[in-house]
Amino acid sequence: MMNQTKRLTDGAIMVVLYLVLLVVSFFIPYLVIVAYFVLPLPFIIYAYRYDWKPAVIMLLAAAIIASLFATVFSLPTTVIAGIGGIMIGAAMHRNTPGFETLARGTVGVVVGLLFAYLFAQFVTGIDFSEKFDQLLDESITNSQHVMGQLGMDKGMDQQFEMLRKQFEAFKLLIPSMMVIMSLLIAWISQLLGYKVINRLEHKQFHFPPFRSMQFPVAIVWIYFFALVISLFGPSQQSLLFSGVQNVLFLAGTLMMLQGLSFVFFYAHAKHITKAMPIIVIVLLLIIPTILLPLVRILGIIDIGFGLRNIIAKKK
């Protein structure tokens, strides 16, 4: 009975804390971006203490109360913070390793973002894909008009067409961008969750070293099959083409991270100065067209052939 009372009390406190953070983020515009990293904290703490089932009830209570006090438009934010926070907190409750906890939190934030997208489309009745195309057409038309008035429109048709294709390519990769944004939100929220729970509960949660990060071999196979499908040239207007491009982008990003992780592992194993992997990252940002494919290939070799095991055995 006492445990049940404590659970309800903690739930009420966390709901109030969430509402305070939500209201503050609404009234101080500059905190909107920061809010997405901080708002999951009450859900992380509660799910860590009591696991996911009571945390889901807390999420329902927070969603209802937030909708009453901060309008129904706060619902998507609550769902994003709630599902992501619960996934992270429940994983911490089970002492799940840091990178696996991050993967679960990322999935939770992705689900929340999908809900937010569908909610916005349902409430506003706007087809965002069609709206994006309309804004793109208007932007290019206005630019062409300005260039024409300045007498600079000669030979610019090819550049405008190239710009249109770049925007269309970006539109295709919006799902991948959502995943990467979800990864960033989950990662920072998890770091904050570790800090807070370590302080409140006197625990020792921490991320494993970046050099220990390793993705499963399935990532390479997924990338390979997507690459094979892309070689058959599916129609650019088809759903298959969009799916393949997103899979290639996401899998390629993961293998790039794997390659960077191996660079850190190699520097640690060979007792090379820590400046070396940092320099690699800086060069990757400066000349990505040259180094990005090399780092990605390094990641593929590391995953597929177990480079770390080979180096560890030699050592």
C-alpha atoms as a PDB file:
ATOM      1  CA  MET A   1       0.000   0.000   0.000  1.00  0.00           C
ATOM      2  CA  MET A   2       2.828   2.362   0.890  1.00  0.00           C
ATOM      3  CA  ASN A   3       4.635   1.552  -2.381  1.00  0.00           C
ATOM      4  CA  GLN A   4       1.443   2.264  -4.323  1.00  0.00           C
ATOM      5  CA  THR A   5       1.041   5.618  -2.558  1.00  0.00           C
ATOM      6  CA  LYS A   6       4.675   6.534  -3.249  1.00  0.00           C
ATOM      7  CA  ARG A   7       4.254   5.578  -6.901  1.00  0.00           C
ATOM      8  CA  LEU A   8       1.188   7.808  -7.263  1.00  0.00           C
ATOM      9  CA  THR A   9       2.900  10.669  -5.434  1.00  0.00           C
ATOM     10  CA  ASP A  10       6.006  10.437  -7.594  1.00  0.00           C
ATOM     11  CA  GLY A  11       3.808  10.267 -10.701  1.00  0.00           C
ATOM     12  CA  ALA A  12       1.944  13.422  -9.694  1.00  0.00           C
ATOM     13  CA  ILE A  13       5.225  15.242  -8.976  1.00  0.00           C
ATOM     14  CA  MET A  14       6.676  14.225 -12.345  1.00  0.00           C
ATOM     15  CA  VAL A  15       3.526  15.334 -14.197  1.00  0.00           C
ATOM     16  CA  VAL A  16       3.700  18.740 -12.479  1.00  0.00           C
ATOM     17  CA  LEU A  17       7.421  18.982 -13.292  1.00  0.00           C
ATOM     18  CA  TYR A  18       6.705  18.162 -16.931  1.00  0.00           C
ATOM     19  CA  LEU A  19       3.934  20.791 -17.104  1.00  0.00           C
ATOM     20  CA  VAL A  20       6.234  23.446 -15.618  1.00  0.00           C
ATOM     21  CA  LEU A  21       8.935  22.658 -18.194  1.00  0.00           C
ATOM     22  CA  LEU A  22       6.344  22.669 -20.991  1.00  0.00           C
ATOM     23  CA  VAL A  23       4.853  26.034 -19.977  1.00  0.00           C
ATOM     24  CA  VAL A  24       8.313  27.590 -19.600  1.00  0.00           C
ATOM     25  CA  SER A  25       9.282  26.379 -23.078  1.00  0.00           C
ATOM     26  CA  PHE A  26       6.070  27.849 -24.521  1.00  0.00           C
ATOM     27  CA  PHE A  27       6.553  31.303 -22.983  1.00  0.00           C
ATOM     28  CA  ILE A  28      10.289  31.572 -23.698  1.00  0.00           C
ATOM     29  CA  PRO A  29      10.656  30.982 -27.469  1.00  0.00           C
ATOM     30  CA  TYR A  30      14.431  30.551 -27.322  1.00  0.00           C
ATOM     31  CA  LEU A  31      13.974  27.450 -25.147  1.00  0.00           C
ATOM     32  CA  VAL A  32      11.823  25.561 -27.659  1.00  0.00           C
ATOM     33  CA  ILE A  33      14.785  23.671 -29.130  1.00  0.00           C
ATOM     34  CA  VAL A  34      16.290  22.958 -25.693  1.00  0.00           C
ATOM     35  CA  ALA A  35      12.871  21.802 -24.470  1.00  0.00           C
ATOM     36  CA  TYR A  36      12.898  18.729 -26.714  1.00  0.00           C
ATOM     37  CA  PHE A  37      16.019  17.514 -24.881  1.00  0.00           C
ATOM     38  CA  VAL A  38      14.783  18.378 -21.360  1.00  0.00           C
ATOM     39  CA  LEU A  39      11.073  17.465 -21.517  1.00  0.00           C
ATOM     40  CA  PRO A  40      11.709  13.676 -21.580  1.00  0.00           C
ATOM     41  CA  LEU A  41      13.492  13.878 -18.185  1.00  0.00           C
ATOM     42  CA  PRO A  42      10.386  13.433 -15.925  1.00  0.00           C
ATOM     43  CA  PHE A  43       9.384  10.359 -17.958  1.00  0.00           C
ATOM     44  CA  ILE A  44      12.945   8.966 -17.870  1.00  0.00           C
ATOM     45  CA  ILE A  45      13.111   9.313 -14.078  1.00  0.00           C
ATOM     46  CA  TYR A  46       9.676   7.782 -13.496  1.00  0.00           C
ATOM     47  CA  ALA A  47      10.182   4.893 -15.948  1.00  0.00           C
ATOM     48  CA  TYR A  48      13.587   4.194 -14.385  1.00  0.00           C
ATOM     49  CA  ARG A  49      12.018   3.909 -10.934  1.00  0.00           C
ATOM     50  CA  TYR A  50       8.840   2.002 -11.782  1.00  0.00           C
ATOM     51  CA  ASP A  51       9.302   0.563 -15.330  1.00  0.00           C
ATOM     52  CA  TRP A  52       7.208   1.273 -18.407  1.00  0.00           C
ATOM     53  CA  LYS A  53       3.647   0.291 -17.388  1.00  0.00           C
ATOM     54  CA  PRO A  54       3.179   2.934 -14.649  1.00  0.00           C
ATOM     55  CA  ALA A  55       5.073   5.391 -16.890  1.00  0.00           C
ATOM     56  CA  VAL A  56       2.489   4.913 -19.668  1.00  0.00           C
ATOM     57  CA  ILE A  57      -0.246   5.866 -17.199  1.00  0.00           C
ATOM     58  CA  MET A  58       1.798   8.935 -16.271  1.00  0.00           C
ATOM     59  CA  LEU A  59       2.073   9.810 -19.973  1.00  0.00           C
ATOM     60  CA  LEU A  60      -1.709   9.582 -20.409  1.00  0.00           C
ATOM     61  CA  ALA A  61      -2.230  11.842 -17.382  1.00  0.00           C
ATOM     62  CA  ALA A  62       0.354  14.352 -18.629  1.00  0.00           C
ATOM     63  CA  ALA A  63      -1.192  14.369 -22.123  1.00  0.00           C
ATOM     64  CA  ILE A  64      -4.707  15.038 -20.789  1.00  0.00           C
ATOM     65  CA  ILE A  65      -3.668  17.750 -18.329  1.00  0.00           C
ATOM     66  CA  ALA A  66      -1.304  19.418 -20.828  1.00  0.00           C
ATOM     67  CA  SER A  67      -4.086  19.480 -23.444  1.00  0.00           C
ATOM     68  CA  LEU A  68      -6.374  21.242 -20.948  1.00  0.00           C
ATOM     69  CA  PHE A  69      -3.853  23.825 -19.739  1.00  0.00           C
ATOM     70  CA  ALA A  70      -1.621  24.296 -22.797  1.00  0.00           C
ATOM     71  CA  THR A  71      -4.170  23.561 -25.564  1.00  0.00           C
ATOM     72  CA  VAL A  72      -4.404  20.404 -27.642  1.00  0.00           C
ATOM     73  CA  PHE A  73      -1.446  21.544 -29.752  1.00  0.00           C
ATOM     74  CA  SER A  74       0.857  20.527 -26.891  1.00  0.00           C
ATOM     75  CA  LEU A  75      -0.159  16.885 -27.430  1.00  0.00           C
ATOM     76  CA  PRO A  76       2.482  16.057 -30.095  1.00  0.00           C
ATOM     77  CA  THR A  77       5.271  17.479 -27.894  1.00  0.00           C
ATOM     78  CA  THR A  78       4.024  15.425 -24.936  1.00  0.00           C
ATOM     79  CA  VAL A  79       3.890  12.241 -27.000  1.00  0.00           C
ATOM     80  CA  ILE A  80       7.425  12.767 -28.389  1.00  0.00           C
ATOM     81  CA  ALA A  81       8.889  13.463 -24.940  1.00  0.00           C
ATOM     82  CA  GLY A  82       6.810  10.759 -23.256  1.00  0.00           C
ATOM     83  CA  ILE A  83       7.447   7.796 -25.539  1.00  0.00           C
ATOM     84  CA  GLY A  84      11.138   8.641 -25.970  1.00  0.00           C
ATOM     85  CA  GLY A  85      11.598   9.173 -22.226  1.00  0.00           C
ATOM     86  CA  ILE A  86       9.763   5.978 -21.289  1.00  0.00           C
ATOM     87  CA  MET A  87      11.831   3.896 -23.717  1.00  0.00           C
ATOM     88  CA  ILE A  88      15.065   5.307 -22.251  1.00  0.00           C
ATOM     89  CA  GLY A  89      13.953   5.070 -18.610  1.00  0.00           C
ATOM     90  CA  ALA A  90      12.609   1.521 -18.960  1.00  0.00           C
ATOM     91  CA  ALA A  91      15.890   0.416 -20.564  1.00  0.00           C
ATOM     92  CA  MET A  92      17.802   1.980 -17.663  1.00  0.00           C
ATOM     93  CA  HIS A  93      15.453   0.181 -15.246  1.00  0.00           C
ATOM     94  CA  ARG A  94      16.707  -3.099 -16.755  1.00  0.00           C
ATOM     95  CA  ASN A  95      20.376  -1.970 -16.761  1.00  0.00           C
ATOM     96  CA  THR A  96      20.461  -2.149 -20.559  1.00  0.00           C
ATOM     97  CA  PRO A  97      23.837  -1.153 -22.106  1.00  0.00           C
ATOM     98  CA  GLY A  98      24.160   2.476 -23.143  1.00  0.00           C
ATOM     99  CA  PHE A  99      24.112   2.080 -26.929  1.00  0.00           C
ATOM    100  CA  GLU A 100      21.141  -0.303 -26.827  1.00  0.00           C
ATOM    101  CA  THR A 101      19.317   2.162 -24.573  1.00  0.00           C
ATOM    102  CA  LEU A 102      20.054   4.860 -27.153  1.00  0.00           C
ATOM    103  CA  ALA A 103      18.618   2.677 -29.932  1.00  0.00           C
ATOM    104  CA  ARG A 104      15.399   2.146 -27.959  1.00  0.00           C
ATOM    105  CA  GLY A 105      15.115   5.832 -27.149  1.00  0.00           C
ATOM    106  CA  THR A 106      15.605   6.701 -30.820  1.00  0.00           C
ATOM    107  CA  VAL A 107      12.781   4.346 -31.811  1.00  0.00           C
ATOM    108  CA  GLY A 108      10.549   5.975 -29.188  1.00  0.00           C
ATOM    109  CA  VAL A 109      11.239   9.494 -30.477  1.00  0.00           C
ATOM    110  CA  VAL A 110      10.667   8.351 -34.094  1.00  0.00           C
ATOM    111  CA  VAL A 111       7.239   6.981 -33.091  1.00  0.00           C
ATOM    112  CA  GLY A 112       6.477  10.293 -31.364  1.00  0.00           C
ATOM    113  CA  LEU A 113       7.515  12.308 -34.436  1.00  0.00           C
ATOM    114  CA  LEU A 114       5.338  10.151 -36.693  1.00  0.00           C
ATOM    115  CA  PHE A 115       2.405  10.787 -34.361  1.00  0.00           C
ATOM    116  CA  ALA A 116       3.155  14.531 -34.441  1.00  0.00           C
ATOM    117  CA  TYR A 117       3.234  14.508 -38.257  1.00  0.00           C
ATOM    118  CA  LEU A 118      -0.073  12.619 -38.562  1.00  0.00           C
ATOM    119  CA  PHE A 119      -1.662  14.768 -35.838  1.00  0.00           C
ATOM    120  CA  ALA A 120      -0.627  18.012 -37.584  1.00  0.00           C
ATOM    121  CA  GLN A 121      -1.879  16.752 -40.934  1.00  0.00           C
ATOM    122  CA  PHE A 122      -5.195  15.629 -39.426  1.00  0.00           C
ATOM    123  CA  VAL A 123      -5.797  18.841 -37.448  1.00  0.00           C
ATOM    124  CA  THR A 124      -4.722  21.318 -40.150  1.00  0.00           C
ATOM    125  CA  GLY A 125      -5.900  19.275 -43.134  1.00  0.00           C
ATOM    126  CA  ILE A 126      -2.746  20.285 -45.012  1.00  0.00           C
ATOM    127  CA  ASP A 127      -0.868  17.859 -47.238  1.00  0.00           C
ATOM    128  CA  PHE A 128       2.685  18.773 -46.205  1.00  0.00           C
ATOM    129  CA  SER A 129       4.250  17.025 -49.184  1.00  0.00           C
ATOM    130  CA  GLU A 130       2.112  19.037 -51.586  1.00  0.00           C
ATOM    131  CA  LYS A 131       2.762  22.216 -49.582  1.00  0.00           C
ATOM    132  CA  PHE A 132       6.535  21.616 -49.820  1.00  0.00           C
ATOM    133  CA  ASP A 133       6.294  21.297 -53.630  1.00  0.00           C
ATOM    134  CA  GLN A 134       4.194  24.460 -53.816  1.00  0.00           C
ATOM    135  CA  LEU A 135       6.655  26.488 -51.721  1.00  0.00           C
ATOM    136  CA  LEU A 136       9.551  25.175 -53.810  1.00  0.00           C
ATOM    137  CA  ASP A 137       7.860  26.217 -57.065  1.00  0.00           C
ATOM    138  CA  GLU A 138       7.049  29.668 -55.695  1.00  0.00           C
ATOM    139  CA  SER A 139      10.589  30.159 -54.396  1.00  0.00           C
ATOM    140  CA  ILE A 140      12.222  29.216 -57.705  1.00  0.00           C
ATOM    141  CA  THR A 141       9.713  31.301 -59.727  1.00  0.00           C
ATOM    142  CA  ASN A 142      10.356  34.358 -57.538  1.00  0.00           C
ATOM    143  CA  SER A 143      14.124  33.880 -57.844  1.00  0.00           C
ATOM    144  CA  GLN A 144      13.868  33.627 -61.626  1.00  0.00           C
ATOM    145  CA  HIS A 145      11.724  36.788 -61.687  1.00  0.00           C
ATOM    146  CA  VAL A 146      14.289  38.730 -59.602  1.00  0.00           C
ATOM    147  CA  MET A 147      17.162  37.465 -61.776  1.00  0.00           C
ATOM    148  CA  GLY A 148      15.232  38.515 -64.892  1.00  0.00           C
ATOM    149  CA  GLN A 149      14.713  42.036 -63.574  1.00  0.00           C
ATOM    150  CA  LEU A 150      18.431  42.330 -62.821  1.00  0.00           C
ATOM    151  CA  GLY A 151      19.314  40.997 -66.276  1.00  0.00           C
ATOM    152  CA  MET A 152      21.109  37.985 -64.788  1.00  0.00           C
ATOM    153  CA  ASP A 153      18.767  35.225 -65.968  1.00  0.00           C
ATOM    154  CA  LYS A 154      20.808  34.198 -69.028  1.00  0.00           C
ATOM    155  CA  GLY A 155      22.172  30.681 -68.686  1.00  0.00           C
ATOM    156  CA  MET A 156      20.594  30.240 -65.247  1.00  0.00           C
ATOM    157  CA  ASP A 157      17.975  27.669 -66.261  1.00  0.00           C
ATOM    158  CA  GLN A 158      20.384  24.784 -65.701  1.00  0.00           C
ATOM    159  CA  GLN A 159      21.335  26.069 -62.228  1.00  0.00           C
ATOM    160  CA  PHE A 160      17.680  26.431 -61.226  1.00  0.00           C
ATOM    161  CA  GLU A 161      16.932  22.923 -62.474  1.00  0.00           C
ATOM    162  CA  MET A 162      19.864  21.593 -60.451  1.00  0.00           C
ATOM    163  CA  LEU A 163      18.570  23.459 -57.390  1.00  0.00           C
ATOM    164  CA  ARG A 164      15.126  21.916 -57.896  1.00  0.00           C
ATOM    165  CA  LYS A 165      16.627  18.415 -58.049  1.00  0.00           C
ATOM    166  CA  GLN A 166      18.594  19.045 -54.847  1.00  0.00           C
ATOM    167  CA  PHE A 167      15.443  20.096 -53.016  1.00  0.00           C
ATOM    168  CA  GLU A 168      13.575  17.061 -54.347  1.00  0.00           C
ATOM    169  CA  ALA A 169      16.406  14.806 -53.164  1.00  0.00           C
ATOM    170  CA  PHE A 170      16.191  16.439 -49.736  1.00  0.00           C
ATOM    171  CA  LYS A 171      12.451  15.828 -49.687  1.00  0.00           C
ATOM    172  CA  LEU A 172      13.024  12.113 -50.371  1.00  0.00           C
ATOM    173  CA  LEU A 173      15.389  11.907 -47.397  1.00  0.00           C
ATOM    174  CA  ILE A 174      13.013  13.548 -44.897  1.00  0.00           C
ATOM    175  CA  PRO A 175      12.308  10.149 -43.191  1.00  0.00           C
ATOM    176  CA  SER A 176      16.052   9.638 -42.720  1.00  0.00           C
ATOM    177  CA  MET A 177      16.421  13.171 -41.379  1.00  0.00           C
ATOM    178  CA  MET A 178      13.661  12.379 -38.866  1.00  0.00           C
ATOM    179  CA  VAL A 179      15.591   9.324 -37.681  1.00  0.00           C
ATOM    180  CA  ILE A 180      18.835  11.291 -37.310  1.00  0.00           C
ATOM    181  CA  MET A 181      16.997  14.069 -35.454  1.00  0.00           C
ATOM    182  CA  SER A 182      15.414  11.419 -33.208  1.00  0.00           C
ATOM    183  CA  LEU A 183      18.865   9.956 -32.543  1.00  0.00           C
ATOM    184  CA  LEU A 184      20.157  13.388 -31.500  1.00  0.00           C
ATOM    185  CA  ILE A 185      17.159  14.067 -29.210  1.00  0.00           C
ATOM    186  CA  ALA A 186      17.417  10.605 -27.622  1.00  0.00           C
ATOM    187  CA  TRP A 187      21.181  10.873 -27.145  1.00  0.00           C
ATOM    188  CA  ILE A 188      21.138  14.257 -25.378  1.00  0.00           C
ATOM    189  CA  SER A 189      18.052  13.291 -23.309  1.00  0.00           C
ATOM    190  CA  GLN A 190      19.780  10.064 -22.266  1.00  0.00           C
ATOM    191  CA  LEU A 191      22.934  11.949 -21.247  1.00  0.00           C
ATOM    192  CA  LEU A 192      20.836  14.336 -19.152  1.00  0.00           C
ATOM    193  CA  GLY A 193      18.915  11.375 -17.707  1.00  0.00           C
ATOM    194  CA  TYR A 194      22.177   9.700 -16.686  1.00  0.00           C
ATOM    195  CA  LYS A 195      23.372  12.889 -14.980  1.00  0.00           C
ATOM    196  CA  VAL A 196      20.113  13.441 -13.068  1.00  0.00           C
ATOM    197  CA  ILE A 197      19.618   9.816 -11.968  1.00  0.00           C
ATOM    198  CA  ASN A 198      23.277   9.465 -10.967  1.00  0.00           C
ATOM    199  CA  ARG A 199      22.792  12.512  -8.741  1.00  0.00           C
ATOM    200  CA  LEU A 200      19.368  11.547  -7.348  1.00  0.00           C
ATOM    201  CA  GLU A 201      19.824   7.787  -7.003  1.00  0.00           C
ATOM    202  CA  HIS A 202      23.618   7.657  -6.516  1.00  0.00           C
ATOM    203  CA  LYS A 203      24.081   5.397  -9.532  1.00  0.00           C
ATOM    204  CA  GLN A 204      26.898   5.125 -12.055  1.00  0.00           C
ATOM    205  CA  PHE A 205      25.134   5.236 -15.436  1.00  0.00           C
ATOM    206  CA  HIS A 206      27.411   6.210 -18.315  1.00  0.00           C
ATOM    207  CA  PHE A 207      27.902   5.638 -22.022  1.00  0.00           C
ATOM    208  CA  PRO A 208      30.536   3.071 -22.989  1.00  0.00           C
ATOM    209  CA  PRO A 209      33.532   4.578 -24.833  1.00  0.00           C
ATOM    210  CA  PHE A 210      32.785   5.502 -28.444  1.00  0.00           C
ATOM    211  CA  ARG A 211      35.527   3.086 -29.538  1.00  0.00           C
ATOM    212  CA  SER A 212      33.466   0.146 -28.228  1.00  0.00           C
ATOM    213  CA  MET A 213      30.441   0.893 -30.424  1.00  0.00           C
ATOM    214  CA  GLN A 214      29.772  -1.898 -32.916  1.00  0.00           C
ATOM    215  CA  PHE A 215      26.780  -2.463 -35.185  1.00  0.00           C
ATOM    216  CA  PRO A 216      25.532  -5.907 -36.203  1.00  0.00           C
ATOM    217  CA  VAL A 217      26.584  -7.526 -39.507  1.00  0.00           C
ATOM    218  CA  ALA A 218      22.970  -7.184 -40.702  1.00  0.00           C
ATOM    219  CA  ILE A 219      23.627  -3.479 -41.366  1.00  0.00           C
ATOM    220  CA  VAL A 220      26.102  -4.400 -44.147  1.00  0.00           C
ATOM    221  CA  TRP A 221      23.637  -6.816 -45.756  1.00  0.00           C
ATOM    222  CA  ILE A 222      20.827  -4.251 -45.626  1.00  0.00           C
ATOM    223  CA  TYR A 223      23.101  -1.688 -47.305  1.00  0.00           C
ATOM    224  CA  PHE A 224      24.203  -4.248 -49.922  1.00  0.00           C
ATOM    225  CA  PHE A 225      20.652  -5.288 -50.871  1.00  0.00           C
ATOM    226  CA  ALA A 226      19.507  -1.645 -51.067  1.00  0.00           C
ATOM    227  CA  LEU A 227      22.494  -0.894 -53.316  1.00  0.00           C
ATOM    228  CA  VAL A 228      21.630  -3.833 -55.615  1.00  0.00           C
ATOM    229  CA  ILE A 229      17.993  -2.691 -55.879  1.00  0.00           C
ATOM    230  CA  SER A 230      19.109   0.862 -56.694  1.00  0.00           C
ATOM    231  CA  LEU A 231      21.197  -0.460 -59.611  1.00  0.00           C
ATOM    232  CA  PHE A 232      18.019  -1.696 -61.319  1.00  0.00           C
ATOM    233  CA  GLY A 233      16.887   1.928 -61.491  1.00  0.00           C
ATOM    234  CA  PRO A 234      13.400   2.009 -59.914  1.00  0.00           C
ATOM    235  CA  SER A 235      11.250   4.956 -60.958  1.00  0.00           C
ATOM    236  CA  GLN A 236      12.066   8.124 -59.045  1.00  0.00           C
ATOM    237  CA  GLN A 237       8.370   8.672 -58.410  1.00  0.00           C
ATOM    238  CA  SER A 238       7.922   5.216 -56.864  1.00  0.00           C
ATOM    239  CA  LEU A 239       7.743   4.416 -53.158  1.00  0.00           C
ATOM    240  CA  LEU A 240      10.486   1.803 -53.698  1.00  0.00           C
ATOM    241  CA  PHE A 241      12.949   4.460 -54.885  1.00  0.00           C
ATOM    242  CA  SER A 242      12.243   6.627 -51.838  1.00  0.00           C
ATOM    243  CA  GLY A 243      12.639   3.647 -49.503  1.00  0.00           C
ATOM    244  CA  VAL A 244      15.921   2.547 -51.090  1.00  0.00           C
ATOM    245  CA  GLN A 245      17.402   6.055 -50.922  1.00  0.00           C
ATOM    246  CA  ASN A 246      16.512   6.351 -47.229  1.00  0.00           C
ATOM    247  CA  VAL A 247      17.925   2.904 -46.429  1.00  0.00           C
ATOM    248  CA  LEU A 248      21.165   3.729 -48.253  1.00  0.00           C
ATOM    249  CA  PHE A 249      21.459   7.049 -46.439  1.00  0.00           C
ATOM    250  CA  LEU A 250      20.767   5.622 -42.963  1.00  0.00           C
ATOM    251  CA  ALA A 251      22.864   2.465 -43.372  1.00  0.00           C
ATOM    252  CA  GLY A 252      25.681   4.539 -44.875  1.00  0.00           C
ATOM    253  CA  THR A 253      25.544   6.925 -41.905  1.00  0.00           C
ATOM    254  CA  LEU A 254      25.720   4.022 -39.440  1.00  0.00           C
ATOM    255  CA  MET A 255      28.699   2.513 -41.252  1.00  0.00           C
ATOM    256  CA  MET A 256      30.405   5.897 -41.273  1.00  0.00           C
ATOM    257  CA  LEU A 257      29.960   6.015 -37.475  1.00  0.00           C
ATOM    258  CA  GLN A 258      31.338   2.471 -37.304  1.00  0.00           C
ATOM    259  CA  GLY A 259      34.392   3.577 -39.270  1.00  0.00           C
ATOM    260  CA  LEU A 260      35.000   6.514 -36.921  1.00  0.00           C
ATOM    261  CA  SER A 261      34.549   4.207 -33.931  1.00  0.00           C
ATOM    262  CA  PHE A 262      37.209   1.899 -35.374  1.00  0.00           C
ATOM    263  CA  VAL A 263      39.613   4.847 -35.753  1.00  0.00           C
ATOM    264  CA  PHE A 264      39.195   5.577 -32.028  1.00  0.00           C
ATOM    265  CA  PHE A 265      39.597   1.844 -31.230  1.00  0.00           C
ATOM    266  CA  TYR A 266      42.768   1.584 -33.301  1.00  0.00           C
ATOM    267  CA  ALA A 267      44.290   4.692 -31.699  1.00  0.00           C
ATOM    268  CA  HIS A 268      43.553   3.270 -28.230  1.00  0.00           C
ATOM    269  CA  ALA A 269      44.840  -0.225 -29.074  1.00  0.00           C
ATOM    270  CA  LYS A 270      48.090   1.084 -30.583  1.00  0.00           C
ATOM    271  CA  HIS A 271      48.560   3.765 -27.892  1.00  0.00           C
ATOM    272  CA  ILE A 272      48.433   6.522 -30.499  1.00  0.00           C
ATOM    273  CA  THR A 273      47.737  10.048 -29.312  1.00  0.00           C
ATOM    274  CA  LYS A 274      44.038  10.930 -28.963  1.00  0.00           C
ATOM    275  CA  ALA A 275      44.620  13.848 -31.318  1.00  0.00           C
ATOM    276  CA  MET A 276      44.732  11.444 -34.286  1.00  0.00           C
ATOM    277  CA  PRO A 277      41.028  10.451 -34.328  1.00  0.00           C
ATOM    278  CA  ILE A 278      40.082  14.066 -33.604  1.00  0.00           C
ATOM    279  CA  ILE A 279      42.085  15.164 -36.646  1.00  0.00           C
ATOM    280  CA  VAL A 280      40.285  12.510 -38.741  1.00  0.00           C
ATOM    281  CA  ILE A 281      36.901  13.930 -37.697  1.00  0.00           C
ATOM    282  CA  VAL A 282      38.003  17.502 -38.501  1.00  0.00           C
ATOM    283  CA  LEU A 283      39.285  16.440 -41.930  1.00  0.00           C
ATOM    284  CA  LEU A 284      36.048  14.533 -42.525  1.00  0.00           C
ATOM    285  CA  LEU A 285      34.108  17.764 -41.978  1.00  0.00           C
ATOM    286  CA  ILE A 286      36.473  19.763 -44.224  1.00  0.00           C
ATOM    287  CA  ILE A 287      36.752  17.327 -47.164  1.00  0.00           C
ATOM    288  CA  PRO A 288      33.759  14.958 -46.804  1.00  0.00           C
ATOM    289  CA  THR A 289      33.636  14.056 -50.521  1.00  0.00           C
ATOM    290  CA  ILE A 290      37.033  12.356 -50.251  1.00  0.00           C
ATOM    291  CA  LEU A 291      37.122  10.998 -46.700  1.00  0.00           C
ATOM    292  CA  LEU A 292      33.467  10.010 -46.185  1.00  0.00           C
ATOM    293  CA  PRO A 293      33.548   7.049 -48.642  1.00  0.00           C
ATOM    294  CA  LEU A 294      36.886   5.884 -47.146  1.00  0.00           C
ATOM    295  CA  VAL A 295      35.570   5.991 -43.563  1.00  0.00           C
ATOM    296  CA  ARG A 296      32.387   4.218 -44.667  1.00  0.00           C
ATOM    297  CA  ILE A 297      34.416   1.447 -46.367  1.00  0.00           C
ATOM    298  CA  LEU A 298      36.493   1.130 -43.194  1.00  0.00           C
ATOM    299  CA  GLY A 299      33.259   0.680 -41.232  1.00  0.00           C
ATOM    300  CA  ILE A 300      32.047  -2.013 -43.657  1.00  0.00           C
ATOM    301  CA  ILE A 301      35.335  -3.917 -43.343  1.00  0.00           C
ATOM    302  CA  ASP A 302      35.260  -3.605 -39.551  1.00  0.00           C
ATOM    303  CA  ILE A 303      31.709  -4.953 -39.338  1.00  0.00           C
ATOM    304  CA  GLY A 304      32.066  -7.639 -41.994  1.00  0.00           C
ATOM    305  CA  PHE A 305      35.548  -8.968 -41.244  1.00  0.00           C
ATOM    306  CA  GLY A 306      35.947  -8.243 -37.524  1.00  0.00           C
ATOM    307  CA  LEU A 307      38.995  -5.980 -37.751  1.00  0.00           C
ATOM    308  CA  ARG A 308      38.861  -5.326 -34.005  1.00  0.00           C
ATOM    309  CA  ASN A 309      39.138  -9.039 -33.197  1.00  0.00           C
ATOM    310  CA  ILE A 310      42.121  -9.381 -35.527  1.00  0.00           C
ATOM    311  CA  ILE A 311      43.911  -6.443 -33.910  1.00  0.00           C
ATOM    312  CA  ALA A 312      43.046  -7.686 -30.404  1.00  0.00           C
ATOM    313  CA  LYS A 313      44.459 -11.165 -31.186  1.00  0.00           C
ATOM    314  CA  LYS A 314      47.676  -9.699 -32.603  1.00  0.00           C
ATOM    315  CA  LYS A 315      48.015  -7.539 -29.524  1.00  0.00           C
END
